Amino acid sequence: MKTQVAIIGAGPAGLLLSQLLDLQGIENIVLERQSGDYVLGRIRAGLLEQGMVDMMNLAQCGDRLNREGLIHRGINLCFSGNLHNIDLSALTGGKTVMIYGQTEVTRDLMAARQKMGGNLIYEAKDVAIHNLDDDHPRVTYTKDGQAFEIVCDYIAGCDGFHGVSRQSIPAETLKTYEKIYPFGWIGLLADTKPVSDELIYVHHEKSFALCTMRSASRSRYYIQCPLDDTVADWSDDRFWSKLSQHLPAETAAQLETGPSIEKSIAPLRSFVAEPMRYGRLFLAGDAAHIVPPTGAKGLNLAASDIYFLSNALIAFYKTNQTDLIERYSENCLRRVWKATRFSWWMTSLLHHFPENGAFGTKLQLAELDYLAESTAAQTALSENYVGLPFR
């Protein structure tokens, strides 16, 4: 088979790139090692920056998102038993964020690719990348026991942290930077009314908690937990009781509980790989970077990667320009490191670090108190939270 762009990975990044390229008449094939149902079954983030919303509209996939997404103009910080509202919109000239689950983003993109007759190959096994230094690299894979080969101009590696794309870059070329946090999040999804109209980020003397939602009738809650905890350690009753203890009494009184429909534990890490381009291969999304979910940047960083990558490929195929291709890694990493810094800051500010002792906790509370009183500090948080410009 031959195509112009081979895309490895059918998550939101790969599907979004495929859709944007197809709309410009650029041929592409998407390979995904899992089934479509498996991809849709993954529970992921649910907060979209305006940049991500704009990308979905540009890809002609924004109708349901714009109709069903929940617009949020602020967040609440909770510490020392009190709630403090941060008016994101007022501090950023009217910018907002949107609650719309990543599963729904993926579903919308899948539907769009199917409608346009996109070439998506699910359950592609043994994917391997070859000849990245050539003008026409190759991707090989097997499906149903048969071997296949794709010859292309460029390869987009959108296959996540454990995918083959980053591993195909020579070790002497690739540099990685990583921070492993000494805790994880236990997350619970329930068909219950959210406890608040706005997200609540909770700094507690024992652990962090987050109150968010997927819709007006579906809640998503998180609590900081040890890395060696398992889901079996967290019954629904234990989770709801622990969450209630993190909230002010008047907020806890409004907490609607119910049976979980999904529970999982996620470790927290920061990870960045450089460069994000090698020869004819581009890395995008989790293949190149991971951030802790505290700042809600994972999916949104993937969207900004696809912004830079789609523009670079469109410019090449439409006008034979290569400058955006040459600057792809530089352009992406400038924004990636800023989002990594913000996610690290949010995580450091709000979580309980036993190794920091009482002194560290006092510093956190002092910074939170300053944040609650300072318009300048709130503006800095808000600008990063709603998303920095794609530039």
Protein backbone atom coordinates (compact mmCIF):
# COMPACT_ATOMS: atom_id res chain seq x y z
CA MET A 1 0.00 0.00 0.00
CA LYS A 2 1.03 3.59 -0.58
CA THR A 3 -0.16 6.76 1.10
CA GLN A 4 1.11 10.23 1.87
CA VAL A 5 0.92 10.08 5.67
CA ALA A 6 0.84 6.95 7.82
CA ILE A 7 -0.66 7.62 11.27
CA ILE A 8 0.05 5.16 14.07
CA GLY A 9 -2.59 5.30 16.79
CA ALA A 10 -6.34 5.91 16.59
CA GLY A 11 -6.79 7.89 19.77
CA PRO A 12 -7.95 11.52 19.61
CA ALA A 13 -4.60 12.80 18.29
CA GLY A 14 -4.35 10.32 15.42
CA LEU A 15 -8.02 10.61 14.45
CA LEU A 16 -7.95 14.41 14.59
CA LEU A 17 -4.88 14.55 12.35
CA SER A 18 -6.43 12.07 9.92
CA GLN A 19 -9.61 14.12 9.68
CA LEU A 20 -7.81 17.45 9.17
CA LEU A 21 -5.56 16.00 6.47
CA ASP A 22 -8.45 14.29 4.69
CA LEU A 23 -10.37 17.56 4.56
CA GLN A 24 -7.39 19.02 2.66
CA GLY A 25 -7.20 16.10 0.25
CA ILE A 26 -4.08 14.59 1.84
CA GLU A 27 -4.11 10.79 1.77
CA ASN A 28 -3.55 9.00 5.05
CA ILE A 29 -3.93 5.61 6.69
CA VAL A 30 -4.46 5.11 10.43
CA LEU A 31 -3.16 1.97 12.18
CA GLU A 32 -4.43 1.01 15.64
CA ARG A 33 -3.34 -2.11 17.51
CA GLN A 34 -6.57 -2.31 19.55
CA SER A 35 -10.18 -2.70 18.45
CA GLY A 36 -12.43 0.31 18.04
CA ASP A 37 -14.55 -0.83 20.98
CA TYR A 38 -11.45 -1.04 23.17
CA VAL A 39 -10.41 2.50 22.25
CA LEU A 40 -13.87 3.78 23.11
CA GLY A 41 -13.83 1.92 26.41
CA ARG A 42 -10.88 3.87 27.79
CA ILE A 43 -11.89 6.39 30.46
CA ARG A 44 -9.80 9.53 30.12
CA ALA A 45 -9.82 13.28 30.69
CA GLY A 46 -12.82 15.47 30.18
CA LEU A 47 -11.73 19.13 30.19
CA LEU A 48 -11.12 20.90 26.88
CA GLU A 49 -9.36 24.19 26.34
CA GLN A 50 -10.80 26.55 23.74
CA GLY A 51 -7.94 25.57 21.43
CA MET A 52 -9.13 21.95 21.45
CA VAL A 53 -12.72 23.05 20.83
CA ASP A 54 -11.53 25.18 17.91
CA MET A 55 -9.63 22.21 16.46
CA MET A 56 -12.73 20.00 16.65
CA ASN A 57 -14.77 22.67 14.87
CA LEU A 58 -12.06 23.02 12.21
CA ALA A 59 -12.24 19.26 11.73
CA GLN A 60 -16.03 19.54 11.27
CA CYS A 61 -16.55 17.38 14.37
CA GLY A 62 -17.84 19.97 16.82
CA ASP A 63 -21.63 19.82 16.48
CA ARG A 64 -22.36 17.48 19.40
CA LEU A 65 -19.54 18.95 21.48
CA ASN A 66 -20.95 22.47 21.11
CA ARG A 67 -24.44 21.21 21.87
CA GLU A 68 -23.70 18.99 24.89
CA GLY A 69 -20.43 20.31 26.36
CA LEU A 70 -20.59 22.15 29.68
CA ILE A 71 -18.98 25.60 29.59
CA HIS A 72 -16.99 26.46 32.73
CA ARG A 73 -15.94 30.00 33.58
CA GLY A 74 -14.18 29.29 36.87
CA ILE A 75 -12.81 26.75 39.32
CA ASN A 76 -12.87 26.46 43.10
CA LEU A 77 -9.85 25.98 45.31
CA CYS A 78 -10.54 24.42 48.71
CA PHE A 79 -8.06 24.67 51.56
CA SER A 80 -8.27 25.11 55.32
CA GLY A 81 -11.91 24.08 55.07
CA ASN A 82 -12.98 26.97 52.80
CA LEU A 83 -13.84 27.37 49.11
CA HIS A 84 -12.24 30.13 47.03
CA ASN A 85 -13.53 30.79 43.52
CA ILE A 86 -11.12 31.66 40.70
CA ASP A 87 -13.00 33.48 37.92
CA LEU A 88 -11.09 32.19 34.91
CA SER A 89 -13.20 34.06 32.38
CA ALA A 90 -12.97 37.46 34.06
CA LEU A 91 -9.19 37.12 34.44
CA THR A 92 -8.52 36.06 30.82
CA GLY A 93 -10.72 38.35 28.77
CA GLY A 94 -13.69 36.00 28.55
CA LYS A 95 -11.94 32.67 27.91
CA THR A 96 -13.57 29.48 29.17
CA VAL A 97 -13.01 25.73 29.31
CA MET A 98 -15.43 22.96 28.43
CA ILE A 99 -16.32 19.68 30.12
CA TYR A 100 -16.72 17.02 27.44
CA GLY A 101 -15.32 13.52 27.91
CA GLN A 102 -12.37 12.30 25.86
CA THR A 103 -14.39 9.19 25.05
CA GLU A 104 -16.98 11.43 23.41
CA VAL A 105 -14.28 13.32 21.50
CA THR A 106 -13.00 9.98 20.19
CA ARG A 107 -16.53 8.86 19.31
CA ASP A 108 -17.17 12.05 17.32
CA LEU A 109 -13.88 11.72 15.45
CA MET A 110 -14.53 8.05 14.68
CA ALA A 111 -17.94 8.92 13.26
CA ALA A 112 -16.45 11.67 11.10
CA ARG A 113 -13.74 9.36 9.72
CA GLN A 114 -16.32 6.71 8.94
CA LYS A 115 -18.56 9.25 7.19
CA MET A 116 -15.66 10.40 5.00
CA GLY A 117 -14.57 6.85 4.25
CA GLY A 118 -11.32 7.17 6.16
CA ASN A 119 -8.86 4.30 5.99
CA LEU A 120 -8.66 3.09 9.59
CA ILE A 121 -7.14 -0.31 10.28
CA TYR A 122 -7.91 -1.64 13.75
CA GLU A 123 -6.21 -4.60 15.43
CA ALA A 124 -3.01 -4.03 13.47
CA LYS A 125 -0.34 -6.10 15.24
CA ASP A 126 3.47 -6.10 15.17
CA VAL A 127 3.65 -2.53 13.85
CA ALA A 128 7.21 -1.55 12.94
CA ILE A 129 8.77 1.54 11.38
CA HIS A 130 11.55 1.40 8.79
CA ASN A 131 13.79 3.74 6.75
CA LEU A 132 13.09 6.97 8.60
CA ASP A 133 16.04 8.64 6.89
CA ASP A 134 14.71 7.85 3.41
CA ASP A 135 12.29 9.94 1.37
CA HIS A 136 9.77 7.10 1.59
CA PRO A 137 9.73 5.40 5.00
CA ARG A 138 7.77 2.20 5.52
CA VAL A 139 5.43 0.86 8.16
CA THR A 140 4.87 -2.87 8.42
CA TYR A 141 2.20 -4.69 10.39
CA THR A 142 0.20 -7.89 10.51
CA LYS A 143 -3.56 -8.33 10.60
CA ASP A 144 -5.39 -11.63 10.81
CA GLY A 145 -2.08 -13.42 10.41
CA GLN A 146 -1.19 -11.68 7.13
CA ALA A 147 1.74 -9.28 6.66
CA PHE A 148 1.27 -5.81 5.16
CA GLU A 149 3.47 -2.85 4.27
CA ILE A 150 2.68 0.85 3.87
CA VAL A 151 5.05 3.08 1.91
CA CYS A 152 4.55 6.76 2.72
CA ASP A 153 6.08 10.24 2.78
CA TYR A 154 5.72 10.88 6.51
CA ILE A 155 4.77 8.99 9.67
CA ALA A 156 2.84 10.49 12.59
CA GLY A 157 3.45 8.64 15.84
CA CYS A 158 0.27 9.11 17.88
CA ASP A 159 0.49 5.74 19.61
CA GLY A 160 0.90 6.75 23.23
CA PHE A 161 3.59 6.34 25.85
CA HIS A 162 4.12 2.61 25.24
CA GLY A 163 3.86 2.76 21.44
CA VAL A 164 6.46 1.86 18.84
CA SER A 165 6.98 5.37 17.45
CA ARG A 166 9.19 6.91 20.14
CA GLN A 167 11.09 3.62 20.44
CA SER A 168 11.98 3.89 16.74
CA ILE A 169 14.12 6.99 17.32
CA PRO A 170 17.79 6.05 17.89
CA ALA A 171 18.73 6.11 21.57
CA GLU A 172 21.71 8.38 20.90
CA THR A 173 19.33 10.99 19.42
CA LEU A 174 16.46 10.85 21.91
CA LYS A 175 16.60 12.64 25.25
CA THR A 176 13.95 12.03 27.87
CA TYR A 177 13.09 13.92 31.04
CA GLU A 178 10.94 12.35 33.74
CA LYS A 179 9.59 12.94 37.23
CA ILE A 180 7.72 10.17 39.02
CA TYR A 181 5.39 11.35 41.77
CA PRO A 182 5.17 9.23 44.94
CA PHE A 183 1.39 8.78 44.73
CA GLY A 184 -1.48 8.15 42.36
CA TRP A 185 -5.17 9.01 41.98
CA ILE A 186 -8.07 6.69 42.67
CA GLY A 187 -10.87 7.82 40.37
CA LEU A 188 -14.57 7.02 40.63
CA LEU A 189 -17.23 7.62 37.97
CA ALA A 190 -20.89 7.61 39.04
CA ASP A 191 -24.25 8.58 37.65
CA THR A 192 -24.82 11.15 40.36
CA LYS A 193 -25.36 14.89 40.25
CA PRO A 194 -22.04 16.76 40.60
CA VAL A 195 -21.47 18.25 44.03
CA SER A 196 -20.67 21.65 42.48
CA ASP A 197 -21.29 23.49 39.22
CA GLU A 198 -17.56 24.23 39.07
CA LEU A 199 -14.58 21.93 39.62
CA ILE A 200 -13.23 21.81 43.17
CA TYR A 201 -9.50 21.30 43.72
CA VAL A 202 -8.96 20.28 47.35
CA HIS A 203 -5.79 20.67 49.40
CA HIS A 204 -6.26 18.59 52.56
CA GLU A 205 -3.87 17.82 55.37
CA LYS A 206 -3.90 14.13 54.43
CA SER A 207 -4.31 14.08 50.65
CA PHE A 208 -5.53 15.85 47.53
CA ALA A 209 -9.02 15.46 46.05
CA LEU A 210 -10.75 16.69 42.91
CA CYS A 211 -14.47 17.03 42.25
CA THR A 212 -15.34 17.20 38.56
CA MET A 213 -18.00 15.86 36.21
CA ARG A 214 -18.75 14.45 32.77
CA SER A 215 -22.26 15.87 32.48
CA ALA A 216 -25.00 17.41 34.61
CA SER A 217 -25.86 13.91 35.84
CA ARG A 218 -22.51 12.09 35.78
CA SER A 219 -19.76 12.85 38.30
CA ARG A 220 -16.04 12.09 38.30
CA TYR A 221 -14.12 12.26 41.58
CA TYR A 222 -10.48 11.63 42.48
CA ILE A 223 -8.55 11.14 45.72
CA GLN A 224 -4.78 10.97 46.16
CA CYS A 225 -3.69 7.47 47.13
CA PRO A 226 -0.47 5.47 47.68
CA LEU A 227 1.06 3.88 44.59
CA ASP A 228 0.68 0.39 46.01
CA ASP A 229 -3.07 0.73 46.53
CA THR A 230 -5.38 -1.34 44.33
CA VAL A 231 -8.95 -0.75 43.24
CA ALA A 232 -9.96 -3.61 45.54
CA ASP A 233 -8.73 -1.52 48.47
CA TRP A 234 -11.31 1.14 47.69
CA SER A 235 -14.90 0.10 48.16
CA ASP A 236 -17.51 2.63 47.09
CA ASP A 237 -18.33 3.29 50.75
CA ARG A 238 -14.70 3.98 51.60
CA PHE A 239 -14.31 6.32 48.65
CA TRP A 240 -17.43 8.38 49.38
CA SER A 241 -16.55 8.60 53.08
CA LYS A 242 -13.01 9.75 52.34
CA LEU A 243 -14.17 12.31 49.79
CA SER A 244 -16.73 13.73 52.20
CA GLN A 245 -14.00 14.26 54.79
CA HIS A 246 -12.05 16.39 52.29
CA LEU A 247 -14.90 18.85 51.73
CA PRO A 248 -16.31 21.69 53.83
CA ALA A 249 -19.35 20.58 55.81
CA GLU A 250 -21.82 22.56 53.70
CA THR A 251 -20.38 21.11 50.49
CA ALA A 252 -20.20 17.57 51.84
CA ALA A 253 -23.88 17.85 52.77
CA GLN A 254 -24.67 18.28 49.06
CA LEU A 255 -22.59 15.27 47.96
CA GLU A 256 -24.81 12.77 46.16
CA THR A 257 -23.42 9.23 46.38
CA GLY A 258 -24.22 6.12 44.41
CA PRO A 259 -22.74 2.95 42.93
CA SER A 260 -19.60 3.44 40.87
CA ILE A 261 -19.75 2.60 37.17
CA GLU A 262 -15.95 2.71 36.86
CA LYS A 263 -13.01 2.90 39.25
CA SER A 264 -9.33 3.00 38.42
CA ILE A 265 -5.98 4.06 39.83
CA ALA A 266 -3.59 6.17 37.80
CA PRO A 267 0.04 6.89 38.76
CA LEU A 268 1.25 10.45 38.26
CA ARG A 269 4.31 11.34 36.21
CA SER A 270 5.81 14.12 34.14
CA PHE A 271 7.63 12.98 30.99
CA VAL A 272 8.98 14.80 27.94
CA ALA A 273 10.89 13.36 24.97
CA GLU A 274 13.09 15.50 22.72
CA PRO A 275 13.15 15.92 19.80
CA MET A 276 9.56 15.34 18.66
CA ARG A 277 10.71 14.84 15.06
CA TYR A 278 13.30 12.47 13.65
CA GLY A 279 13.69 12.24 9.89
CA ARG A 280 10.24 11.52 8.47
CA LEU A 281 8.71 10.65 11.86
CA PHE A 282 6.75 13.07 14.06
CA LEU A 283 5.74 12.31 17.64
CA ALA A 284 2.45 13.70 18.96
CA GLY A 285 0.48 13.44 22.18
CA ASP A 286 1.41 10.86 24.82
CA ALA A 287 4.07 9.38 22.53
CA ALA A 288 6.12 12.51 23.30
CA HIS A 289 4.92 13.78 26.67
CA ILE A 290 2.93 12.90 29.76
CA VAL A 291 1.74 15.35 32.41
CA PRO A 292 0.00 14.70 35.72
CA PRO A 293 -3.74 15.29 35.30
CA THR A 294 -3.84 18.05 37.90
CA GLY A 295 -3.77 20.80 35.28
CA ALA A 296 -5.95 18.97 32.70
CA LYS A 297 -3.31 19.36 29.98
CA GLY A 298 -2.82 15.87 28.51
CA LEU A 299 -5.48 15.84 25.79
CA ASN A 300 -5.09 19.56 25.18
CA LEU A 301 -1.35 19.22 24.59
CA ALA A 302 -2.09 16.50 22.05
CA ALA A 303 -4.43 18.94 20.28
CA SER A 304 -1.72 21.60 20.10
CA ASP A 305 0.73 19.04 18.66
CA ILE A 306 -1.81 18.23 15.95
CA TYR A 307 -2.30 21.94 15.29
CA PHE A 308 1.40 22.33 14.53
CA LEU A 309 1.67 19.01 12.67
CA SER A 310 -1.41 19.44 10.48
CA ASN A 311 -0.36 22.96 9.52
CA ALA A 312 3.15 21.73 8.66
CA LEU A 313 1.91 18.87 6.48
CA ILE A 314 -0.74 20.96 4.76
CA ALA A 315 1.83 23.65 3.96
CA PHE A 316 4.14 21.02 2.49
CA TYR A 317 1.54 19.34 0.31
CA LYS A 318 -0.15 22.55 -0.80
CA THR A 319 2.85 24.84 -1.38
CA ASN A 320 5.92 22.60 -0.95
CA GLN A 321 6.98 24.63 2.11
CA THR A 322 9.12 22.75 4.63
CA ASP A 323 9.84 25.43 7.23
CA LEU A 324 6.97 24.36 9.50
CA ILE A 325 8.13 20.76 9.27
CA GLU A 326 11.63 21.81 10.24
CA ARG A 327 10.30 23.79 13.23
CA TYR A 328 7.70 21.24 14.34
CA SER A 329 9.61 19.93 17.36
CA GLU A 330 10.70 23.40 18.46
CA ASN A 331 7.17 24.83 18.18
CA CYS A 332 5.58 21.94 20.07
CA LEU A 333 8.16 21.73 22.84
CA ARG A 334 7.89 25.41 23.67
CA ARG A 335 4.25 24.86 24.63
CA VAL A 336 4.84 21.37 26.06
CA TRP A 337 7.36 22.60 28.62
CA LYS A 338 5.12 25.47 29.70
CA ALA A 339 2.24 23.05 30.25
CA THR A 340 4.57 20.63 32.03
CA ARG A 341 5.67 23.43 34.36
CA PHE A 342 2.07 24.39 35.11
CA SER A 343 1.02 20.78 35.76
CA TRP A 344 4.02 20.27 38.06
CA TRP A 345 3.17 23.50 39.90
CA MET A 346 -0.47 22.55 40.41
CA THR A 347 0.54 19.08 41.59
CA SER A 348 3.18 20.44 43.98
CA LEU A 349 0.79 23.03 45.38
CA LEU A 350 -2.18 20.78 46.08
CA HIS A 351 -0.93 17.29 46.97
CA HIS A 352 0.29 15.92 50.26
CA PHE A 353 4.03 15.13 50.17
CA PRO A 354 4.91 13.29 53.41
CA GLU A 355 8.63 13.79 52.80
CA ASN A 356 8.17 17.58 52.93
CA GLY A 357 6.86 17.45 56.48
CA ALA A 358 5.02 20.21 58.34
CA PHE A 359 7.29 22.89 56.85
CA GLY A 360 6.26 21.93 53.31
CA THR A 361 2.58 21.95 54.24
CA LYS A 362 2.90 25.43 55.75
CA LEU A 363 4.50 26.68 52.53
CA GLN A 364 1.64 25.21 50.47
CA LEU A 365 -0.95 26.91 52.67
CA ALA A 366 0.90 30.22 52.47
CA GLU A 367 0.96 30.04 48.69
CA LEU A 368 -2.71 29.07 48.52
CA ASP A 369 -3.58 31.97 50.84
CA TYR A 370 -1.60 34.34 48.61
CA LEU A 371 -3.35 32.92 45.54
CA ALA A 372 -6.77 33.49 47.10
CA GLU A 373 -5.95 37.17 47.75
CA SER A 374 -3.81 38.17 44.75
CA THR A 375 -5.38 39.09 41.41
CA ALA A 376 -1.95 38.80 39.77
CA ALA A 377 -1.46 35.24 41.04
CA GLN A 378 -4.99 34.25 40.02
CA THR A 379 -4.42 35.71 36.55
CA ALA A 380 -1.27 33.63 36.07
CA LEU A 381 -3.14 30.48 37.10
CA SER A 382 -6.11 31.33 34.89
CA GLU A 383 -4.03 32.06 31.78
CA ASN A 384 -2.38 28.67 32.05
CA TYR A 385 -5.55 26.81 33.00
CA VAL A 386 -7.66 27.99 30.06
CA GLY A 387 -4.72 27.26 27.74
CA LEU A 388 -1.83 29.22 26.33
CA PRO A 389 -2.05 30.28 22.69
CA PHE A 390 -0.98 27.91 19.91
CA ARG A 391 2.18 29.70 18.79
